[in-house]
C-alpha atoms as a PDB file:
ATOM      1  CA  MET A   1     -34.061  16.698 -19.406  1.00  0.00           C
ATOM      2  CA  VAL A   2     -30.841  15.227 -19.060  1.00  0.00           C
ATOM      3  CA  GLU A   3     -30.226  16.946 -15.341  1.00  0.00           C
ATOM      4  CA  TRP A   4     -33.056  15.062 -14.440  1.00  0.00           C
ATOM      5  CA  GLY A   5     -32.239  12.082 -16.033  1.00  0.00           C
ATOM      6  CA  VAL A   6     -28.944  12.158 -13.557  1.00  0.00           C
ATOM      7  CA  ASN A   7     -30.146  13.540 -10.632  1.00  0.00           C
ATOM      8  CA  ILE A   8     -32.431  10.584 -10.597  1.00  0.00           C
ATOM      9  CA  ARG A   9     -30.574   7.892 -11.470  1.00  0.00           C
ATOM     10  CA  THR A  10     -27.856   9.202  -9.134  1.00  0.00           C
ATOM     11  CA  SER A  11     -30.758   8.714  -6.371  1.00  0.00           C
ATOM     12  CA  ILE A  12     -31.940   5.834  -7.369  1.00  0.00           C
ATOM     13  CA  ILE A  13     -28.212   4.087  -7.482  1.00  0.00           C
ATOM     14  CA  ASP A  14     -27.379   5.499  -3.708  1.00  0.00           C
ATOM     15  CA  ARG A  15     -30.602   3.872  -2.400  1.00  0.00           C
ATOM     16  CA  LEU A  16     -29.594   0.720  -4.063  1.00  0.00           C
ATOM     17  CA  ILE A  17     -25.478   0.643  -2.991  1.00  0.00           C
ATOM     18  CA  ASN A  18     -26.943   0.747   0.726  1.00  0.00           C
ATOM     19  CA  GLU A  19     -29.005  -2.097   0.210  1.00  0.00           C
ATOM     20  CA  ALA A  20     -26.440  -4.086  -1.322  1.00  0.00           C
ATOM     21  CA  LEU A  21     -23.791  -2.659   1.484  1.00  0.00           C
ATOM     22  CA  ALA A  22     -26.822  -4.210   4.448  1.00  0.00           C
ATOM     23  CA  SER A  23     -26.088  -7.682   2.865  1.00  0.00           C
ATOM     24  CA  GLY A  24     -22.499  -7.479   3.675  1.00  0.00           C
ATOM     25  CA  VAL A  25     -20.964  -6.451   0.675  1.00  0.00           C
ATOM     26  CA  ASP A  26     -16.960  -5.626   1.683  1.00  0.00           C
ATOM     27  CA  THR A  27     -15.778  -4.753  -1.994  1.00  0.00           C
ATOM     28  CA  ILE A  28     -17.254  -2.295  -4.504  1.00  0.00           C
ATOM     29  CA  LEU A  29     -15.799  -2.397  -7.985  1.00  0.00           C
ATOM     30  CA  ASN A  30     -17.373   0.932 -10.207  1.00  0.00           C
ATOM     31  CA  LEU A  31     -16.473   0.218 -13.417  1.00  0.00           C
ATOM     32  CA  GLY A  32     -16.493   3.460 -15.776  1.00  0.00           C
ATOM     33  CA  ALA A  33     -16.258   5.588 -12.656  1.00  0.00           C
ATOM     34  CA  GLY A  34     -16.003   8.314 -14.580  1.00  0.00           C
ATOM     35  CA  LEU A  35     -16.349  12.072 -12.017  1.00  0.00           C
ATOM     36  CA  ASP A  36     -18.545  10.175  -9.347  1.00  0.00           C
ATOM     37  CA  THR A  37     -17.464  10.769  -5.578  1.00  0.00           C
ATOM     38  CA  ARG A  38     -19.542   8.973  -3.851  1.00  0.00           C
ATOM     39  CA  PRO A  39     -16.900   7.282  -1.562  1.00  0.00           C
ATOM     40  CA  TYR A  40     -16.512  10.905  -0.715  1.00  0.00           C
ATOM     41  CA  ARG A  41     -19.876  11.744  -0.009  1.00  0.00           C
ATOM     42  CA  MET A  42     -22.139   8.599   1.214  1.00  0.00           C
ATOM     43  CA  LYS A  43     -21.684   7.310   4.628  1.00  0.00           C
ATOM     44  CA  LEU A  44     -19.593   4.323   3.816  1.00  0.00           C
ATOM     45  CA  PRO A  45     -17.809   2.020   6.408  1.00  0.00           C
ATOM     46  CA  ALA A  46     -14.613   2.524   6.438  1.00  0.00           C
ATOM     47  CA  THR A  47     -13.351  -0.940   5.718  1.00  0.00           C
ATOM     48  CA  LEU A  48     -15.160  -1.148   2.796  1.00  0.00           C
ATOM     49  CA  ARG A  49     -12.961  -1.555  -0.333  1.00  0.00           C
ATOM     50  CA  TRP A  50     -13.744   0.918  -3.184  1.00  0.00           C
ATOM     51  CA  VAL A  51     -12.352   0.505  -6.348  1.00  0.00           C
ATOM     52  CA  GLU A  52     -12.743   2.574  -9.586  1.00  0.00           C
ATOM     53  CA  LEU A  53     -11.889   1.859 -13.002  1.00  0.00           C
ATOM     54  CA  ASP A  54     -12.231   4.112 -16.083  1.00  0.00           C
ATOM     55  CA  PHE A  55      -9.309   5.805 -19.042  1.00  0.00           C
ATOM     56  CA  PRO A  56      -6.282   6.518 -17.775  1.00  0.00           C
ATOM     57  CA  HIS A  57      -6.413  10.394 -18.501  1.00  0.00           C
ATOM     58  CA  LEU A  58      -9.327  10.398 -16.619  1.00  0.00           C
ATOM     59  CA  ILE A  59      -7.563   8.885 -13.622  1.00  0.00           C
ATOM     60  CA  GLU A  60      -5.045  11.313 -13.847  1.00  0.00           C
ATOM     61  CA  LEU A  61      -7.479  14.396 -13.786  1.00  0.00           C
ATOM     62  CA  LYS A  62      -9.492  12.830 -10.839  1.00  0.00           C
ATOM     63  CA  ASN A  63      -6.468  11.811  -8.124  1.00  0.00           C
ATOM     64  CA  ALA A  64      -4.993  15.345  -9.182  1.00  0.00           C
ATOM     65  CA  ARG A  65      -8.625  17.109  -8.345  1.00  0.00           C
ATOM     66  CA  LEU A  66      -9.368  14.957  -5.058  1.00  0.00           C
ATOM     67  CA  ALA A  67      -5.944  14.878  -3.963  1.00  0.00           C
ATOM     68  CA  GLY A  68      -6.437  17.073  -0.736  1.00  0.00           C
ATOM     69  CA  GLN A  69      -9.834  15.042   0.352  1.00  0.00           C
ATOM     70  CA  ALA A  70     -10.445  12.223   1.957  1.00  0.00           C
ATOM     71  CA  PRO A  71     -12.475   9.355   1.107  1.00  0.00           C
ATOM     72  CA  ALA A  72     -14.637   7.280   3.916  1.00  0.00           C
ATOM     73  CA  CYS A  73     -13.514   4.190   2.455  1.00  0.00           C
ATOM     74  CA  GLU A  74     -10.351   2.050   1.333  1.00  0.00           C
ATOM     75  CA  LEU A  75      -9.985   4.184  -2.193  1.00  0.00           C
ATOM     76  CA  GLU A  76      -7.879   3.086  -4.877  1.00  0.00           C
ATOM     77  CA  ARG A  77      -8.482   3.727  -8.495  1.00  0.00           C
ATOM     78  CA  VAL A  78      -6.871   2.403 -11.768  1.00  0.00           C
ATOM     79  CA  GLY A  79      -6.717   3.210 -15.755  1.00  0.00           C
ATOM     80  CA  THR A  80      -7.818   0.744 -17.917  1.00  0.00           C
ATOM     81  CA  ASP A  81     -10.162   0.432 -21.164  1.00  0.00           C
ATOM     82  CA  LEU A  82     -12.797  -1.350 -20.032  1.00  0.00           C
ATOM     83  CA  LEU A  83     -13.544  -2.945 -23.502  1.00  0.00           C
ATOM     84  CA  ASP A  84      -9.645  -4.726 -22.729  1.00  0.00           C
ATOM     85  CA  ARG A  85     -11.195  -7.837 -22.151  1.00  0.00           C
ATOM     86  CA  PRO A  86      -8.199  -9.946 -21.088  1.00  0.00           C
ATOM     87  CA  LYS A  87      -6.872  -7.524 -18.602  1.00  0.00           C
ATOM     88  CA  ARG A  88     -10.167  -6.754 -17.577  1.00  0.00           C
ATOM     89  CA  LYS A  89     -10.485 -10.381 -16.761  1.00  0.00           C
ATOM     90  CA  LYS A  90      -7.017 -10.120 -15.162  1.00  0.00           C
ATOM     91  CA  LEU A  91      -8.247  -7.429 -13.013  1.00  0.00           C
ATOM     92  CA  LEU A  92     -11.051  -9.053 -11.617  1.00  0.00           C
ATOM     93  CA  ALA A  93      -9.679 -12.474 -11.283  1.00  0.00           C
ATOM     94  CA  GLN A  94      -7.253 -10.383  -8.589  1.00  0.00           C
ATOM     95  CA  TRP A  95      -9.800  -8.564  -6.930  1.00  0.00           C
ATOM     96  CA  GLY A  96     -12.247 -11.794  -6.521  1.00  0.00           C
ATOM     97  CA  ALA A  97      -9.401 -13.517  -4.759  1.00  0.00           C
ATOM     98  CA  SER A  98      -9.340 -11.092  -1.773  1.00  0.00           C
ATOM     99  CA  SER A  99     -13.204 -10.293  -1.873  1.00  0.00           C
ATOM    100  CA  LYS A 100     -15.865 -12.386  -0.601  1.00  0.00           C
ATOM    101  CA  ASN A 101     -18.795 -10.106  -1.506  1.00  0.00           C
ATOM    102  CA  THR A 102     -18.661  -7.816  -4.473  1.00  0.00           C
ATOM    103  CA  LEU A 103     -20.565  -5.190  -5.666  1.00  0.00           C
ATOM    104  CA  VAL A 104     -19.858  -3.942  -9.257  1.00  0.00           C
ATOM    105  CA  ILE A 105     -21.463  -0.708 -11.085  1.00  0.00           C
ATOM    106  CA  THR A 106     -21.632  -0.049 -14.246  1.00  0.00           C
ATOM    107  CA  GLU A 107     -23.598   3.417 -14.265  1.00  0.00           C
ATOM    108  CA  GLY A 108     -23.965   5.553 -17.771  1.00  0.00           C
ATOM    109  CA  VAL A 109     -21.757   2.123 -19.260  1.00  0.00           C
ATOM    110  CA  LEU A 110     -23.365  -0.115 -20.987  1.00  0.00           C
ATOM    111  CA  ALA A 111     -25.502   1.857 -23.048  1.00  0.00           C
ATOM    112  CA  PHE A 112     -22.507   2.500 -24.718  1.00  0.00           C
ATOM    113  CA  PHE A 113     -20.676  -1.246 -25.083  1.00  0.00           C
ATOM    114  CA  SER A 114     -21.917  -2.879 -27.923  1.00  0.00           C
ATOM    115  CA  VAL A 115     -24.913  -6.101 -27.480  1.00  0.00           C
ATOM    116  CA  SER A 116     -21.672  -8.225 -27.979  1.00  0.00           C
ATOM    117  CA  ASP A 117     -19.330  -6.574 -25.452  1.00  0.00           C
ATOM    118  CA  VAL A 118     -22.326  -6.158 -23.129  1.00  0.00           C
ATOM    119  CA  ALA A 119     -22.817 -10.318 -23.212  1.00  0.00           C
ATOM    120  CA  ALA A 120     -18.705 -10.507 -22.655  1.00  0.00           C
ATOM    121  CA  LEU A 121     -19.045  -8.328 -19.516  1.00  0.00           C
ATOM    122  CA  ALA A 122     -21.759 -10.258 -17.856  1.00  0.00           C
ATOM    123  CA  SER A 123     -20.277 -13.539 -18.641  1.00  0.00           C
ATOM    124  CA  ASP A 124     -17.557 -12.684 -17.497  1.00  0.00           C
ATOM    125  CA  LEU A 125     -18.370 -10.889 -13.819  1.00  0.00           C
ATOM    126  CA  HIS A 126     -20.707 -14.214 -13.411  1.00  0.00           C
ATOM    127  CA  ALA A 127     -17.622 -16.156 -13.950  1.00  0.00           C
ATOM    128  CA  THR A 128     -15.539 -14.322 -11.151  1.00  0.00           C
ATOM    129  CA  ALA A 129     -17.225 -15.876  -7.990  1.00  0.00           C
ATOM    130  CA  ALA A 130     -16.872 -13.277  -5.617  1.00  0.00           C
ATOM    131  CA  LEU A 131     -18.922 -11.221  -7.948  1.00  0.00           C
ATOM    132  CA  HIS A 132     -22.425 -11.287  -6.190  1.00  0.00           C
ATOM    133  CA  PHE A 133     -24.261  -8.142  -6.685  1.00  0.00           C
ATOM    134  CA  TRP A 134     -24.033  -6.165  -9.683  1.00  0.00           C
ATOM    135  CA  ILE A 135     -25.843  -2.591 -10.322  1.00  0.00           C
ATOM    136  CA  GLN A 136     -26.860  -0.822 -13.678  1.00  0.00           C
ATOM    137  CA  ASP A 137     -29.218   1.611 -14.849  1.00  0.00           C
ATOM    138  CA  PHE A 138     -31.599   0.314 -17.385  1.00  0.00           C
ATOM    139  CA  ASP A 139     -33.231   1.535 -20.378  1.00  0.00           C
ATOM    140  CA  ASN A 140     -35.759  -0.926 -21.448  1.00  0.00           C
ATOM    141  CA  ALA A 141     -37.788   0.548 -24.107  1.00  0.00           C
ATOM    142  CA  GLY A 142     -36.243  -1.446 -26.883  1.00  0.00           C
ATOM    143  CA  GLN A 143     -35.408   0.040 -30.299  1.00  0.00           C
ATOM    144  CA  ARG A 144     -37.339   3.617 -29.660  1.00  0.00           C
ATOM    145  CA  ARG A 145     -36.031   6.931 -31.319  1.00  0.00           C
ATOM    146  CA  LEU A 146     -33.386   9.355 -29.810  1.00  0.00           C
ATOM    147  CA  PRO A 147     -35.332  12.662 -29.147  1.00  0.00           C
ATOM    148  CA  ARG A 148     -34.232  15.378 -32.071  1.00  0.00           C
ATOM    149  CA  GLY A 149     -30.450  16.311 -31.743  1.00  0.00           C
ATOM    150  CA  TRP A 150     -29.289  13.766 -29.726  1.00  0.00           C
ATOM    151  CA  ALA A 151     -27.969  11.858 -32.523  1.00  0.00           C
ATOM    152  CA  GLU A 152     -25.925  14.526 -33.652  1.00  0.00           C
ATOM    153  CA  LYS A 153     -24.574  15.418 -29.939  1.00  0.00           C
ATOM    154  CA  LEU A 154     -24.315  11.193 -29.517  1.00  0.00           C
ATOM    155  CA  LYS A 155     -22.172  11.292 -32.343  1.00  0.00           C
ATOM    156  CA  ALA A 156     -18.816  10.445 -30.473  1.00  0.00           C
ATOM    157  CA  ALA A 157     -20.369   8.138 -28.370  1.00  0.00           C
ATOM    158  CA  PRO A 158     -23.581   6.868 -29.779  1.00  0.00           C
ATOM    159  CA  ILE A 159     -26.048   4.287 -27.681  1.00  0.00           C
ATOM    160  CA  LEU A 160     -24.987   0.375 -28.858  1.00  0.00           C
ATOM    161  CA  PHE A 161     -26.917  -1.289 -26.452  1.00  0.00           C
ATOM    162  CA  LYS A 162     -30.476  -1.804 -27.086  1.00  0.00           C
ATOM    163  CA  VAL A 163     -32.684  -4.946 -26.794  1.00  0.00           C
ATOM    164  CA  LYS A 164     -36.113  -5.886 -26.663  1.00  0.00           C
ATOM    165  CA  ASP A 165     -35.905  -7.323 -22.782  1.00  0.00           C
ATOM    166  CA  TRP A 166     -33.389  -5.606 -20.800  1.00  0.00           C
ATOM    167  CA  PHE A 167     -33.962  -8.329 -17.447  1.00  0.00           C
ATOM    168  CA  GLY A 168     -34.144 -10.928 -20.002  1.00  0.00           C
ATOM    169  CA  PHE A 169     -30.945 -10.389 -21.658  1.00  0.00           C
ATOM    170  CA  PHE A 170     -29.185 -10.599 -18.363  1.00  0.00           C
ATOM    171  CA  GLU A 171     -31.214 -13.362 -16.947  1.00  0.00           C
ATOM    172  CA  LYS A 172     -29.415 -15.310 -20.148  1.00  0.00           C
ATOM    173  CA  TYR A 173     -25.785 -14.282 -18.509  1.00  0.00           C
ATOM    174  CA  GLY A 174     -26.484 -15.497 -14.869  1.00  0.00           C
ATOM    175  CA  TRP A 175     -27.781 -12.331 -13.315  1.00  0.00           C
ATOM    176  CA  ARG A 176     -31.732 -11.524 -12.221  1.00  0.00           C
ATOM    177  CA  SER A 177     -33.113  -8.330 -10.732  1.00  0.00           C
ATOM    178  CA  SER A 178     -33.119  -8.570  -7.182  1.00  0.00           C
ATOM    179  CA  GLN A 179     -34.516  -5.047  -6.807  1.00  0.00           C
ATOM    180  CA  THR A 180     -35.739  -2.253  -9.306  1.00  0.00           C
ATOM    181  CA  ILE A 181     -36.479   1.165  -8.618  1.00  0.00           C
ATOM    182  CA  THR A 182     -38.021   2.605 -11.909  1.00  0.00           C
ATOM    183  CA  SER A 183     -37.468   6.621 -12.421  1.00  0.00           C
ATOM    184  CA  PHE A 184     -41.261   6.980 -12.195  1.00  0.00           C
ATOM    185  CA  GLU A 185     -40.777   5.576  -8.794  1.00  0.00           C
ATOM    186  CA  GLU A 186     -37.978   7.723  -7.787  1.00  0.00           C
ATOM    187  CA  SER A 187     -39.471  10.962  -9.324  1.00  0.00           C
ATOM    188  CA  GLU A 188     -42.509  10.495  -6.953  1.00  0.00           C
ATOM    189  CA  ARG A 189     -40.211   9.959  -3.966  1.00  0.00           C
ATOM    190  CA  LEU A 190     -38.714  12.667  -4.847  1.00  0.00           C
ATOM    191  CA  GLN A 191     -41.595  14.676  -5.394  1.00  0.00           C
ATOM    192  CA  HIS A 192     -39.010  15.987  -8.395  1.00  0.00           C
ATOM    193  CA  PRO A 193     -41.698  15.533 -11.759  1.00  0.00           C
ATOM    194  CA  TYR A 194     -40.066  15.647 -15.367  1.00  0.00           C
ATOM    195  CA  PRO A 195     -39.151  19.505 -16.580  1.00  0.00           C
ATOM    196  CA  LEU A 196     -41.787  20.884 -18.253  1.00  0.00           C
ATOM    197  CA  ASP A 197     -39.828  21.478 -21.608  1.00  0.00           C
ATOM    198  CA  PHE A 198     -40.202  21.069 -25.131  1.00  0.00           C
ATOM    199  CA  PRO A 199     -41.088  18.711 -26.796  1.00  0.00           C
ATOM    200  CA  PHE A 200     -41.069  15.546 -24.387  1.00  0.00           C
ATOM    201  CA  GLY A 201     -42.192  17.301 -21.299  1.00  0.00           C
ATOM    202  CA  LEU A 202     -45.299  18.666 -22.319  1.00  0.00           C
ATOM    203  CA  MET A 203     -46.167  15.778 -24.101  1.00  0.00           C
ATOM    204  CA  LEU A 204     -46.154  13.733 -20.789  1.00  0.00           C
ATOM    205  CA  ARG A 205     -48.464  16.476 -19.618  1.00  0.00           C
ATOM    206  CA  ALA A 206     -50.857  15.686 -22.312  1.00  0.00           C
ATOM    207  CA  LEU A 207     -50.578  12.198 -22.130  1.00  0.00           C
ATOM    208  CA  PRO A 208     -53.025  10.068 -19.675  1.00  0.00           C
ATOM    209  CA  ALA A 209     -51.519   9.582 -16.146  1.00  0.00           C
ATOM    210  CA  ALA A 210     -51.174   5.859 -16.642  1.00  0.00           C
ATOM    211  CA  MET A 211     -49.084   6.056 -20.045  1.00  0.00           C
ATOM    212  CA  SER A 212     -46.894   8.558 -18.393  1.00  0.00           C
ATOM    213  CA  ARG A 213     -46.444   6.739 -16.182  1.00  0.00           C
ATOM    214  CA  GLN A 214     -45.335   3.626 -18.050  1.00  0.00           C
ATOM    215  CA  ILE A 215     -43.298   5.843 -20.365  1.00  0.00           C
ATOM    216  CA  LEU A 216     -40.718   6.945 -17.286  1.00  0.00           C
ATOM    217  CA  SER A 217     -41.168   3.490 -15.651  1.00  0.00           C
ATOM    218  CA  ALA A 218     -39.019   1.708 -18.768  1.00  0.00           C
ATOM    219  CA  SER A 219     -36.032   3.550 -17.185  1.00  0.00           C
ATOM    220  CA  GLY A 220     -34.408   3.407 -13.596  1.00  0.00           C
ATOM    221  CA  ALA A 221     -31.663   1.174 -12.033  1.00  0.00           C
ATOM    222  CA  VAL A 222     -31.604  -2.168 -10.624  1.00  0.00           C
ATOM    223  CA  LEU A 223     -30.037  -4.368  -8.422  1.00  0.00           C
ATOM    224  CA  MET A 224     -28.641  -7.446 -10.086  1.00  0.00           C
ATOM    225  CA  GLN A 225     -28.061 -10.404  -8.349  1.00  0.00           C
ATOM    226  CA  ARG A 226     -25.627 -13.588  -9.281  1.00  0.00           C
ATOM    227  CA  SER A 227     -27.725 -16.769 -10.553  1.00  0.00           C
ATOM    228  CA  PRO A 228     -26.957 -20.308 -10.667  1.00  0.00           C
ATOM    229  CA  VAL A 229     -24.280 -21.175 -13.402  1.00  0.00           C
ATOM    230  CA  ALA A 230     -26.030 -23.626 -14.648  1.00  0.00           C
ATOM    231  CA  GLN A 231     -28.407 -20.694 -16.390  1.00  0.00           C
ATOM    232  CA  VAL A 232     -25.148 -18.747 -18.251  1.00  0.00           C
ATOM    233  CA  LEU A 233     -25.109 -19.210 -21.928  1.00  0.00           C
ATOM    234  CA  GLN A 234     -22.001 -18.509 -24.183  1.00  0.00           C
ATOM    235  CA  PRO A 235     -21.902 -14.329 -24.715  1.00  0.00           C
ATOM    236  CA  VAL A 236     -22.851 -13.999 -27.736  1.00  0.00           C
ATOM    237  CA  THR A 237     -19.850 -13.197 -30.878  1.00  0.00           C
END
């Protein structure tokens, strides 16, 4: 189940990155990059500036493991806590001043931020004029229950960001959907159906096709585009 979701999400985000690059993106900020290796495996412009941010210990591990590998573009890494807002704003201003068209990626990150922290991040990103695009993976199913056993597995890092309308939430902070690809659409394109596991996979097979499609269409990834400043609200506190 998890492996299927990660595979589908990765494929979607790869496609959305290429869409953004076709729009003239010159810098990519990957917030909470983890062990992502796109700068090494994707075909990217050599002049592209790619910046990865994550906790210092993860950056140190990644630098050590990939020391002998050459990225396809200009790559730098910064160790920081993304929830340190003053430092984050300083870094955004620094990169914003040296870029004309920046794409931000938050893959697998927003779910673990509180609603107020996500609102603050959305507001800070919009306040940086050079940030034109934002790729997010989304779960637009609202307050649904986690699968059995997941609450215990996620005890150290619980899912905090749950809103009734994912896209409506970000529109308030100046970000609108430019291109959305659902998990269902990508699984159909790749001919990679949801695994036949128990109980969720069996349930999907038993449901009418339209209902199964609706469930799998509640998640995916989206390329957000900057909206006019007039539409932006102050983040919740």
